Amino acid sequence: QAIWVQATSAQAFVCLALAPIGASRKMSGYPNMKAIAQTEAGSAAVLKDVEMARPVPKQQELLVRVYASGINPTCVKQREQAPPFTPFVIGRDAAGEVVEVGKECSKFKVGDHVYFSGDRRTNGTNAQYTVVAEYLCGRKPASLSWGEAAAMPLVTLTAWEAFFEQVGLTPGQQRSVLVTAGAGGVGSIAIQIAARVLGLTVVATASREETVQFCREMGAHHVVNHRKDLGEQLKEAGVPKVDIVMNCADWGNANLDAWAGILKPLGRIVSILPPTGSLEPGTMTKLFFLRAQLLLELMWTRTLSDAEPAKQGEILDAASKLFDVGTLRHTLRTQYDFIAEGLQKGHEFSEKGQAIGKICIVDRTAPS
């Protein structure tokens, strides 16, 4: 039975800006930790095992012992850019244990298990310890391992915000959705939320036998090949038009034109990526006559713009309950050791574009 918890309350934002951790922080009084960091932009080879000062939690922050860290495409993009300071630790998704709390923390205590996606402006989760705002954390699902839990925050937040906040859906509406790149990190949890929480008819796109099967396992009612004509395949599936398109892949005008052809009047398109090129007036005119909405979703907006960031911790708490009762399932499929070599392999695998579900690095010394 699905559990539905609406995340509504918000707390005041507390700046997360973590001072760069470099040689100046390695003075006496600051214990060190192992981390995987970069000092320059480049390939996965720039990710190195280092020793650096353990961060100290400030007001409303938690110090978390990280046992697993998720790998997302955004990690690869950050690695390819010049780091804001050095050494810079990337990685945003994590699961771990609270070992210290800052002032004014009330939700968690030392010993609690949390999972979160954090703030991309700070040193991240590819380290033994990280600091994170308490309000961004959710209670780790008890039924998931460290790696399984660390795989889920960013993608869950993205799909949740897209459906509930951007599109404005509520459970029980008789609607249909096309989820592109259904076997990817966001696509695979989007399928589950759409089918198992919202009760939508879900059509997913996939092109390989193994990705088609994975989409069906996640709850897709129909799977179509994005390399072929969508309209014809949807007709054959008995869903000639959809109410919503949830896009989880790179896209341009040709894709938007194809979606306009299979979208119902008053339909909505929500994309987790911006277009890769300009959009043609003719395509926008098609959407205009459908009175369609084109929406964009970026889960980082809440932390980067101080837009009620505490809602993300509430969403993760709600999702945690859904994982624990079995309504939602983790999508971790590939994991590596929590060392530079393992992180490099994870990045390289992610860059190939062939990954199914999620990728993590996991500390072998983590408690069971």
Foldseek 3Di string as FASTA:
>chain_A
DFDDDDLDDFDFDDDPAFPDWDPVVPDPPFDKWWFFFAQFADALVRTAIDITTQGDEEAQKFKWQFFKFFDDVVQNVQSNDGQPHPRAAFTFWTKGFTCDGYPPHDPDDGGFIKIFRAAGNHRHDLIRIDMHRNLRIAGQQPVDDRHLSSQAQQLLLQLCCVVCPVVNAAAPDEFEEEEEPCQEANNLQNQLCVCLVRNYQYEYEDDDPVSLVSSVVSPHPHYYHPVDQPQVRCVVVVQNAGQEYEYEDAAAQVVLQSNLRRYAQQGEYEYQDDHPDDHDPVSVVSCVVSVYYYHYTDSNCCNVVVPSSSSNRVSNNSVSVCCNVPSGDGFEDEEAASRSVRVSVQSVVVVVVPDGHIYMHGHPPDDD
